[in-house]
Amino acid sequence: MTLILGARAFLKREFTTITYFIIAIVIVLSFLAYNQIIAWQIPLGFIVGALSSLFMAWLGMETATDASVRTTEAARSHPQKALLIAIRGGAVTGLSLMSIALVGIGILYVMFGDPALIVGYGFGASLSALFAQLGGGIYTKSADIGADLVGKVEAELEEDDPRNAAVIADLVGDNVGDCAGRASDLSESFSDNIITMMIVGAFLASIIVPPSEVIYLVELAPVLQAMGLIASIVGILFIKGLDLVKAYTRDFS
């Protein structure tokens, strides 16, 4: 419980700081759009992308902390159950970030009709991921070094010894850096890849195919990603069995 509360407190402080920068950038982009320097769709996409990436940071950390506790408890008596909880707990983050990115980009594309106008979504997601990954990484390393210096060097304790109070900060740092920061970063990377492929597809289609068929190459990227999402769901549902090694190698080989 202490670990979960500590991670939530860090995210609250981090999200507050990120919000200041998001508001400032949105004001600048809105000013540019008002003066017709950029399209008005860019600030809107920026807001949606930033909020989506922040939501994934929160969801990734909440899922990881809850799944970790449940996995540890299940591993005491049911290793097979612990395997399923661990894999499906991680799958929540992976499938969610893919789904949110596809839905967000898809809605903006339907609204705007031009993949070049969706780049604001990628910029917003990148900004949130930058702060989440960088802030979480710095906190993680600082807490890790502090716990090691105090515990190992001064008190001569073992790694993650419960008698070392700094271990709580170290574990909180692992959660916010490796779970929240990573989820936000993967959300940004996934979104940017889709948007880039849509823009490149539109450019190539304008050269090699008739104008009436350009839309097919533009929409190819999200369609392929959606197929990958469905395949991932099917693969996760097949993870079962009493033999842990066979279940893992069969489903991930």
C-alpha atoms as a PDB file:
ATOM      1  CA  MET A   1       0.000   0.000   0.000  1.00  0.00           C
ATOM      2  CA  THR A   2       2.877   2.364   0.827  1.00  0.00           C
ATOM      3  CA  LEU A   3       4.392   1.663  -2.572  1.00  0.00           C
ATOM      4  CA  ILE A   4       1.129   2.401  -4.383  1.00  0.00           C
ATOM      5  CA  LEU A   5       0.498   5.600  -2.440  1.00  0.00           C
ATOM      6  CA  GLY A   6       4.053   6.791  -3.063  1.00  0.00           C
ATOM      7  CA  ALA A   7       3.772   6.170  -6.804  1.00  0.00           C
ATOM      8  CA  ARG A   8       0.441   7.996  -6.935  1.00  0.00           C
ATOM      9  CA  ALA A   9       1.896  10.959  -5.064  1.00  0.00           C
ATOM     10  CA  PHE A  10       4.759  11.187  -7.546  1.00  0.00           C
ATOM     11  CA  LEU A  11       2.432  11.013 -10.545  1.00  0.00           C
ATOM     12  CA  LYS A  12       0.224  13.723  -9.084  1.00  0.00           C
ATOM     13  CA  ARG A  13       3.195  16.049  -8.730  1.00  0.00           C
ATOM     14  CA  GLU A  14       4.555  15.124 -12.156  1.00  0.00           C
ATOM     15  CA  PHE A  15       1.216  15.575 -13.908  1.00  0.00           C
ATOM     16  CA  THR A  16       0.780  18.984 -12.290  1.00  0.00           C
ATOM     17  CA  THR A  17       4.135  20.110 -13.668  1.00  0.00           C
ATOM     18  CA  ILE A  18       3.434  18.707 -17.137  1.00  0.00           C
ATOM     19  CA  THR A  19       0.060  20.459 -17.213  1.00  0.00           C
ATOM     20  CA  TYR A  20       1.737  23.866 -16.913  1.00  0.00           C
ATOM     21  CA  PHE A  21       3.813  23.198 -20.021  1.00  0.00           C
ATOM     22  CA  ILE A  22       0.837  21.777 -21.936  1.00  0.00           C
ATOM     23  CA  ILE A  23      -1.227  24.888 -21.228  1.00  0.00           C
ATOM     24  CA  ALA A  24       1.621  27.190 -22.241  1.00  0.00           C
ATOM     25  CA  ILE A  25       2.232  25.365 -25.522  1.00  0.00           C
ATOM     26  CA  VAL A  26      -1.488  25.212 -26.312  1.00  0.00           C
ATOM     27  CA  ILE A  27      -1.703  29.004 -25.851  1.00  0.00           C
ATOM     28  CA  VAL A  28       1.194  29.516 -28.273  1.00  0.00           C
ATOM     29  CA  LEU A  29      -0.265  27.097 -30.823  1.00  0.00           C
ATOM     30  CA  SER A  30      -3.681  28.708 -30.528  1.00  0.00           C
ATOM     31  CA  PHE A  31      -2.136  32.125 -31.141  1.00  0.00           C
ATOM     32  CA  LEU A  32      -0.414  30.804 -34.265  1.00  0.00           C
ATOM     33  CA  ALA A  33      -3.643  29.189 -35.438  1.00  0.00           C
ATOM     34  CA  TYR A  34      -5.562  32.410 -34.801  1.00  0.00           C
ATOM     35  CA  ASN A  35      -3.109  34.253 -37.030  1.00  0.00           C
ATOM     36  CA  GLN A  36      -3.457  31.485 -39.644  1.00  0.00           C
ATOM     37  CA  ILE A  37       0.193  30.501 -39.382  1.00  0.00           C
ATOM     38  CA  ILE A  38      -0.737  26.911 -38.616  1.00  0.00           C
ATOM     39  CA  ALA A  39      -3.993  24.998 -39.015  1.00  0.00           C
ATOM     40  CA  TRP A  40      -6.451  25.115 -36.133  1.00  0.00           C
ATOM     41  CA  GLN A  41      -6.461  21.323 -36.062  1.00  0.00           C
ATOM     42  CA  ILE A  42      -2.889  21.253 -34.710  1.00  0.00           C
ATOM     43  CA  PRO A  43      -3.678  22.637 -31.210  1.00  0.00           C
ATOM     44  CA  LEU A  44      -6.711  20.357 -30.928  1.00  0.00           C
ATOM     45  CA  GLY A  45      -4.684  17.292 -31.851  1.00  0.00           C
ATOM     46  CA  PHE A  46      -1.939  18.400 -29.465  1.00  0.00           C
ATOM     47  CA  ILE A  47      -4.362  18.459 -26.524  1.00  0.00           C
ATOM     48  CA  VAL A  48      -5.805  15.044 -27.370  1.00  0.00           C
ATOM     49  CA  GLY A  49      -2.350  13.493 -27.793  1.00  0.00           C
ATOM     50  CA  ALA A  50      -0.986  14.958 -24.557  1.00  0.00           C
ATOM     51  CA  LEU A  51      -3.976  13.794 -22.517  1.00  0.00           C
ATOM     52  CA  SER A  52      -3.865  10.328 -24.084  1.00  0.00           C
ATOM     53  CA  SER A  53      -0.197   9.910 -23.228  1.00  0.00           C
ATOM     54  CA  LEU A  54      -0.726  11.085 -19.642  1.00  0.00           C
ATOM     55  CA  PHE A  55      -3.633   8.690 -19.253  1.00  0.00           C
ATOM     56  CA  MET A  56      -1.426   5.825 -20.400  1.00  0.00           C
ATOM     57  CA  ALA A  57       1.223   6.795 -17.848  1.00  0.00           C
ATOM     58  CA  TRP A  58      -1.375   6.619 -15.083  1.00  0.00           C
ATOM     59  CA  LEU A  59      -2.916   3.392 -16.375  1.00  0.00           C
ATOM     60  CA  GLY A  60       0.477   1.728 -16.789  1.00  0.00           C
ATOM     61  CA  MET A  61       1.515   2.471 -13.225  1.00  0.00           C
ATOM     62  CA  GLU A  62      -1.826   1.539 -11.657  1.00  0.00           C
ATOM     63  CA  THR A  63      -1.942  -1.741 -13.573  1.00  0.00           C
ATOM     64  CA  ALA A  64       1.662  -2.633 -12.756  1.00  0.00           C
ATOM     65  CA  THR A  65       1.363  -1.995  -9.019  1.00  0.00           C
ATOM     66  CA  ASP A  66      -1.901  -3.919  -8.701  1.00  0.00           C
ATOM     67  CA  ALA A  67      -0.707  -6.813 -10.865  1.00  0.00           C
ATOM     68  CA  SER A  68       2.597  -7.044  -8.968  1.00  0.00           C
ATOM     69  CA  VAL A  69       0.848  -7.509  -5.641  1.00  0.00           C
ATOM     70  CA  ARG A  70      -1.556 -10.079  -7.033  1.00  0.00           C
ATOM     71  CA  THR A  71       1.234 -11.952  -8.830  1.00  0.00           C
ATOM     72  CA  THR A  72       3.363 -12.147  -5.686  1.00  0.00           C
ATOM     73  CA  GLU A  73       0.467 -13.462  -3.623  1.00  0.00           C
ATOM     74  CA  ALA A  74      -0.541 -16.009  -6.263  1.00  0.00           C
ATOM     75  CA  ALA A  75       3.037 -17.258  -6.650  1.00  0.00           C
ATOM     76  CA  ARG A  76       3.024 -18.469  -3.037  1.00  0.00           C
ATOM     77  CA  SER A  77       0.745 -21.372  -3.914  1.00  0.00           C
ATOM     78  CA  HIS A  78      -0.238 -21.268  -7.607  1.00  0.00           C
ATOM     79  CA  PRO A  79       2.673 -20.553 -10.020  1.00  0.00           C
ATOM     80  CA  GLN A  80       0.402 -21.115 -13.026  1.00  0.00           C
ATOM     81  CA  LYS A  81      -2.045 -18.514 -11.779  1.00  0.00           C
ATOM     82  CA  ALA A  82       0.825 -16.122 -11.084  1.00  0.00           C
ATOM     83  CA  LEU A  83       1.998 -16.480 -14.696  1.00  0.00           C
ATOM     84  CA  LEU A  84      -1.443 -15.622 -16.056  1.00  0.00           C
ATOM     85  CA  ILE A  85      -1.832 -12.618 -13.741  1.00  0.00           C
ATOM     86  CA  ALA A  86       1.605 -11.264 -14.662  1.00  0.00           C
ATOM     87  CA  ILE A  87       1.155 -11.633 -18.416  1.00  0.00           C
ATOM     88  CA  ARG A  88      -2.418 -10.378 -18.503  1.00  0.00           C
ATOM     89  CA  GLY A  89      -1.538  -7.512 -16.188  1.00  0.00           C
ATOM     90  CA  GLY A  90       1.126  -6.396 -18.623  1.00  0.00           C
ATOM     91  CA  ALA A  91      -1.225  -6.983 -21.534  1.00  0.00           C
ATOM     92  CA  VAL A  92      -3.646  -4.423 -20.102  1.00  0.00           C
ATOM     93  CA  THR A  93      -1.114  -1.658 -20.680  1.00  0.00           C
ATOM     94  CA  GLY A  94      -0.010  -2.905 -24.082  1.00  0.00           C
ATOM     95  CA  LEU A  95      -3.472  -3.438 -25.497  1.00  0.00           C
ATOM     96  CA  SER A  96      -4.786  -0.210 -23.975  1.00  0.00           C
ATOM     97  CA  LEU A  97      -2.106   2.012 -25.481  1.00  0.00           C
ATOM     98  CA  MET A  98      -2.635   0.457 -28.902  1.00  0.00           C
ATOM     99  CA  SER A  99      -6.406   0.857 -28.658  1.00  0.00           C
ATOM    100  CA  ILE A 100      -6.310   4.445 -27.378  1.00  0.00           C
ATOM    101  CA  ALA A 101      -3.851   5.483 -30.083  1.00  0.00           C
ATOM    102  CA  LEU A 102      -5.888   3.867 -32.858  1.00  0.00           C
ATOM    103  CA  VAL A 103      -9.156   5.360 -31.610  1.00  0.00           C
ATOM    104  CA  GLY A 104      -7.676   8.831 -31.090  1.00  0.00           C
ATOM    105  CA  ILE A 105      -5.907   8.958 -34.431  1.00  0.00           C
ATOM    106  CA  GLY A 106      -8.880   7.413 -36.209  1.00  0.00           C
ATOM    107  CA  ILE A 107     -11.340   9.983 -34.835  1.00  0.00           C
ATOM    108  CA  LEU A 108      -9.042  12.886 -35.703  1.00  0.00           C
ATOM    109  CA  TYR A 109      -8.520  11.526 -39.216  1.00  0.00           C
ATOM    110  CA  VAL A 110     -12.276  11.208 -39.753  1.00  0.00           C
ATOM    111  CA  MET A 111     -12.741  14.766 -38.480  1.00  0.00           C
ATOM    112  CA  PHE A 112      -9.862  16.381 -40.400  1.00  0.00           C
ATOM    113  CA  GLY A 113      -9.612  14.170 -43.489  1.00  0.00           C
ATOM    114  CA  ASP A 114      -5.882  14.859 -43.886  1.00  0.00           C
ATOM    115  CA  PRO A 115      -3.137  12.863 -42.099  1.00  0.00           C
ATOM    116  CA  ALA A 116      -0.858  15.917 -42.133  1.00  0.00           C
ATOM    117  CA  LEU A 117      -3.253  17.660 -39.741  1.00  0.00           C
ATOM    118  CA  ILE A 118      -2.915  14.880 -37.154  1.00  0.00           C
ATOM    119  CA  VAL A 119       0.744  15.660 -36.389  1.00  0.00           C
ATOM    120  CA  GLY A 120      -0.405  17.701 -33.397  1.00  0.00           C
ATOM    121  CA  TYR A 121      -1.497  14.453 -31.756  1.00  0.00           C
ATOM    122  CA  GLY A 122       2.038  13.102 -32.062  1.00  0.00           C
ATOM    123  CA  PHE A 123       3.565  16.323 -30.703  1.00  0.00           C
ATOM    124  CA  GLY A 124       1.304  16.238 -27.648  1.00  0.00           C
ATOM    125  CA  ALA A 125       1.990  12.580 -26.960  1.00  0.00           C
ATOM    126  CA  SER A 126       5.743  13.189 -27.325  1.00  0.00           C
ATOM    127  CA  LEU A 127       5.700  16.089 -24.864  1.00  0.00           C
ATOM    128  CA  SER A 128       3.933  14.081 -22.161  1.00  0.00           C
ATOM    129  CA  ALA A 129       6.154  11.063 -22.787  1.00  0.00           C
ATOM    130  CA  LEU A 130       9.281  13.224 -22.543  1.00  0.00           C
ATOM    131  CA  PHE A 131       8.365  14.489 -19.082  1.00  0.00           C
ATOM    132  CA  ALA A 132       7.035  11.143 -17.868  1.00  0.00           C
ATOM    133  CA  GLN A 133      10.060   9.171 -19.054  1.00  0.00           C
ATOM    134  CA  LEU A 134      12.670  11.739 -18.114  1.00  0.00           C
ATOM    135  CA  GLY A 135      11.152  12.671 -14.758  1.00  0.00           C
ATOM    136  CA  GLY A 136      10.515   9.063 -13.809  1.00  0.00           C
ATOM    137  CA  GLY A 137      14.006   8.019 -14.904  1.00  0.00           C
ATOM    138  CA  ILE A 138      15.715  10.741 -12.879  1.00  0.00           C
ATOM    139  CA  TYR A 139      13.628   9.913  -9.814  1.00  0.00           C
ATOM    140  CA  THR A 140      14.354   6.198 -10.255  1.00  0.00           C
ATOM    141  CA  LYS A 141      18.115   6.630 -10.466  1.00  0.00           C
ATOM    142  CA  SER A 142      18.273   9.137  -7.626  1.00  0.00           C
ATOM    143  CA  ALA A 143      16.256   6.894  -5.319  1.00  0.00           C
ATOM    144  CA  ASP A 144      18.290   3.846  -6.345  1.00  0.00           C
ATOM    145  CA  ILE A 145      21.629   5.532  -5.676  1.00  0.00           C
ATOM    146  CA  GLY A 146      20.404   6.930  -2.362  1.00  0.00           C
ATOM    147  CA  ALA A 147      19.123   3.557  -1.178  1.00  0.00           C
ATOM    148  CA  ASP A 148      22.362   1.832  -2.161  1.00  0.00           C
ATOM    149  CA  LEU A 149      24.592   4.429  -0.542  1.00  0.00           C
ATOM    150  CA  VAL A 150      22.714   4.354   2.737  1.00  0.00           C
ATOM    151  CA  GLY A 151      21.855   0.669   2.823  1.00  0.00           C
ATOM    152  CA  LYS A 152      24.819  -1.099   1.245  1.00  0.00           C
ATOM    153  CA  VAL A 153      27.693   1.272   1.983  1.00  0.00           C
ATOM    154  CA  GLU A 154      26.804   2.770   5.344  1.00  0.00           C
ATOM    155  CA  ALA A 155      24.586   0.149   7.005  1.00  0.00           C
ATOM    156  CA  GLU A 156      25.948  -2.880   5.078  1.00  0.00           C
ATOM    157  CA  LEU A 157      22.454  -4.158   4.287  1.00  0.00           C
ATOM    158  CA  GLU A 158      21.418  -6.407   1.429  1.00  0.00           C
ATOM    159  CA  GLU A 159      19.667  -5.224  -1.719  1.00  0.00           C
ATOM    160  CA  ASP A 160      16.071  -4.112  -0.990  1.00  0.00           C
ATOM    161  CA  ASP A 161      16.419  -4.928   2.689  1.00  0.00           C
ATOM    162  CA  PRO A 162      13.110  -4.038   4.446  1.00  0.00           C
ATOM    163  CA  ARG A 163      15.066  -2.365   7.252  1.00  0.00           C
ATOM    164  CA  ASN A 164      16.221   0.304   4.804  1.00  0.00           C
ATOM    165  CA  ALA A 165      13.509   2.968   4.573  1.00  0.00           C
ATOM    166  CA  ALA A 166      14.989   4.268   1.314  1.00  0.00           C
ATOM    167  CA  VAL A 167      13.940   1.021  -0.382  1.00  0.00           C
ATOM    168  CA  ILE A 168      10.364   2.363  -0.557  1.00  0.00           C
ATOM    169  CA  ALA A 169      11.559   5.365  -2.587  1.00  0.00           C
ATOM    170  CA  ASP A 170      13.635   3.024  -4.748  1.00  0.00           C
ATOM    171  CA  LEU A 171      10.662   0.782  -5.539  1.00  0.00           C
ATOM    172  CA  VAL A 172       8.416   3.784  -6.154  1.00  0.00           C
ATOM    173  CA  GLY A 173      11.016   5.041  -8.603  1.00  0.00           C
ATOM    174  CA  ASP A 174      11.005   1.704 -10.405  1.00  0.00           C
ATOM    175  CA  ASN A 175       7.239   1.933 -10.827  1.00  0.00           C
ATOM    176  CA  VAL A 176       7.062   5.517 -12.048  1.00  0.00           C
ATOM    177  CA  GLY A 177      10.085   5.128 -14.307  1.00  0.00           C
ATOM    178  CA  ASP A 178       9.693   1.626 -15.730  1.00  0.00           C
ATOM    179  CA  CYS A 179       5.885   1.443 -15.746  1.00  0.00           C
ATOM    180  CA  ALA A 180       4.370   4.928 -15.989  1.00  0.00           C
ATOM    181  CA  GLY A 181       7.209   6.411 -18.027  1.00  0.00           C
ATOM    182  CA  ARG A 182       7.498   3.399 -20.290  1.00  0.00           C
ATOM    183  CA  ALA A 183       3.757   3.239 -20.961  1.00  0.00           C
ATOM    184  CA  SER A 184       3.677   6.905 -21.926  1.00  0.00           C
ATOM    185  CA  ASP A 185       6.788   6.515 -24.084  1.00  0.00           C
ATOM    186  CA  LEU A 186       5.415   3.479 -25.917  1.00  0.00           C
ATOM    187  CA  SER A 187       2.115   5.278 -26.467  1.00  0.00           C
ATOM    188  CA  GLU A 188       3.988   8.173 -28.059  1.00  0.00           C
ATOM    189  CA  SER A 189       6.135   5.897 -30.235  1.00  0.00           C
ATOM    190  CA  PHE A 190       3.157   3.852 -31.398  1.00  0.00           C
ATOM    191  CA  SER A 191       1.143   6.973 -32.261  1.00  0.00           C
ATOM    192  CA  ASP A 192       4.006   8.649 -34.102  1.00  0.00           C
ATOM    193  CA  ASN A 193       4.640   5.522 -36.155  1.00  0.00           C
ATOM    194  CA  ILE A 194       1.031   5.361 -37.315  1.00  0.00           C
ATOM    195  CA  ILE A 195       0.889   9.069 -38.176  1.00  0.00           C
ATOM    196  CA  THR A 196       4.194   8.899 -40.044  1.00  0.00           C
ATOM    197  CA  MET A 197       3.094   5.891 -42.073  1.00  0.00           C
ATOM    198  CA  MET A 198      -0.174   7.624 -42.954  1.00  0.00           C
ATOM    199  CA  ILE A 199       1.647  10.754 -44.159  1.00  0.00           C
ATOM    200  CA  VAL A 200       4.212   8.741 -46.127  1.00  0.00           C
ATOM    201  CA  GLY A 201       1.410   6.623 -47.576  1.00  0.00           C
ATOM    202  CA  ALA A 202      -0.436   9.740 -48.703  1.00  0.00           C
ATOM    203  CA  PHE A 203       2.726  11.094 -50.351  1.00  0.00           C
ATOM    204  CA  LEU A 204       3.536   7.857 -52.178  1.00  0.00           C
ATOM    205  CA  ALA A 205      -0.081   7.346 -53.174  1.00  0.00           C
ATOM    206  CA  SER A 206      -0.220  10.802 -54.748  1.00  0.00           C
ATOM    207  CA  ILE A 207       2.646   9.750 -57.014  1.00  0.00           C
ATOM    208  CA  ILE A 208       1.907   6.164 -57.982  1.00  0.00           C
ATOM    209  CA  VAL A 209      -1.891   5.765 -57.814  1.00  0.00           C
ATOM    210  CA  PRO A 210      -4.920   7.710 -59.079  1.00  0.00           C
ATOM    211  CA  PRO A 211      -6.330  10.349 -56.690  1.00  0.00           C
ATOM    212  CA  SER A 212      -9.415   8.236 -56.038  1.00  0.00           C
ATOM    213  CA  GLU A 213      -7.253   5.449 -54.538  1.00  0.00           C
ATOM    214  CA  VAL A 214      -5.030   7.566 -52.272  1.00  0.00           C
ATOM    215  CA  ILE A 215      -7.254   6.900 -49.284  1.00  0.00           C
ATOM    216  CA  TYR A 216      -6.478   3.170 -49.397  1.00  0.00           C
ATOM    217  CA  LEU A 217      -2.751   3.621 -48.787  1.00  0.00           C
ATOM    218  CA  VAL A 218      -3.388   6.271 -46.122  1.00  0.00           C
ATOM    219  CA  GLU A 219      -5.679   3.975 -44.164  1.00  0.00           C
ATOM    220  CA  LEU A 220      -3.414   0.947 -44.600  1.00  0.00           C
ATOM    221  CA  ALA A 221      -1.294   1.823 -41.550  1.00  0.00           C
ATOM    222  CA  PRO A 222      -4.090   1.925 -38.933  1.00  0.00           C
ATOM    223  CA  VAL A 223      -5.741  -1.128 -40.497  1.00  0.00           C
ATOM    224  CA  LEU A 224      -2.538  -3.159 -40.182  1.00  0.00           C
ATOM    225  CA  GLN A 225      -2.083  -1.981 -36.591  1.00  0.00           C
ATOM    226  CA  ALA A 226      -5.674  -2.959 -35.806  1.00  0.00           C
ATOM    227  CA  MET A 227      -5.012  -6.428 -37.221  1.00  0.00           C
ATOM    228  CA  GLY A 228      -1.930  -6.669 -35.013  1.00  0.00           C
ATOM    229  CA  LEU A 229      -4.031  -5.665 -32.014  1.00  0.00           C
ATOM    230  CA  ILE A 230      -6.532  -8.434 -32.723  1.00  0.00           C
ATOM    231  CA  ALA A 231      -3.719 -10.954 -33.167  1.00  0.00           C
ATOM    232  CA  SER A 232      -2.228  -9.897 -29.820  1.00  0.00           C
ATOM    233  CA  ILE A 233      -5.558 -10.401 -28.067  1.00  0.00           C
ATOM    234  CA  VAL A 234      -5.888 -13.878 -29.557  1.00  0.00           C
ATOM    235  CA  GLY A 235      -2.320 -14.762 -28.522  1.00  0.00           C
ATOM    236  CA  ILE A 236      -2.906 -13.621 -24.941  1.00  0.00           C
ATOM    237  CA  LEU A 237      -6.075 -15.730 -24.690  1.00  0.00           C
ATOM    238  CA  PHE A 238      -4.056 -18.819 -25.657  1.00  0.00           C
ATOM    239  CA  ILE A 239      -1.695 -18.450 -22.702  1.00  0.00           C
ATOM    240  CA  LYS A 240      -2.788 -21.225 -20.383  1.00  0.00           C
ATOM    241  CA  GLY A 241      -1.779 -24.665 -19.186  1.00  0.00           C
ATOM    242  CA  LEU A 242      -0.248 -26.323 -16.161  1.00  0.00           C
ATOM    243  CA  ASP A 243       3.315 -26.459 -17.508  1.00  0.00           C
ATOM    244  CA  LEU A 244       4.760 -22.957 -17.256  1.00  0.00           C
ATOM    245  CA  VAL A 245       7.646 -23.551 -19.660  1.00  0.00           C
ATOM    246  CA  LYS A 246       5.453 -25.111 -22.342  1.00  0.00           C
ATOM    247  CA  ALA A 247       2.789 -22.432 -21.956  1.00  0.00           C
ATOM    248  CA  TYR A 248       5.345 -19.666 -22.318  1.00  0.00           C
ATOM    249  CA  THR A 249       7.368 -21.146 -25.200  1.00  0.00           C
ATOM    250  CA  ARG A 250       4.261 -22.198 -27.122  1.00  0.00           C
ATOM    251  CA  ASP A 251       2.625 -18.797 -26.966  1.00  0.00           C
ATOM    252  CA  PHE A 252       5.698 -16.603 -27.483  1.00  0.00           C
ATOM    253  CA  SER A 253       7.901 -18.649 -29.820  1.00  0.00           C
END
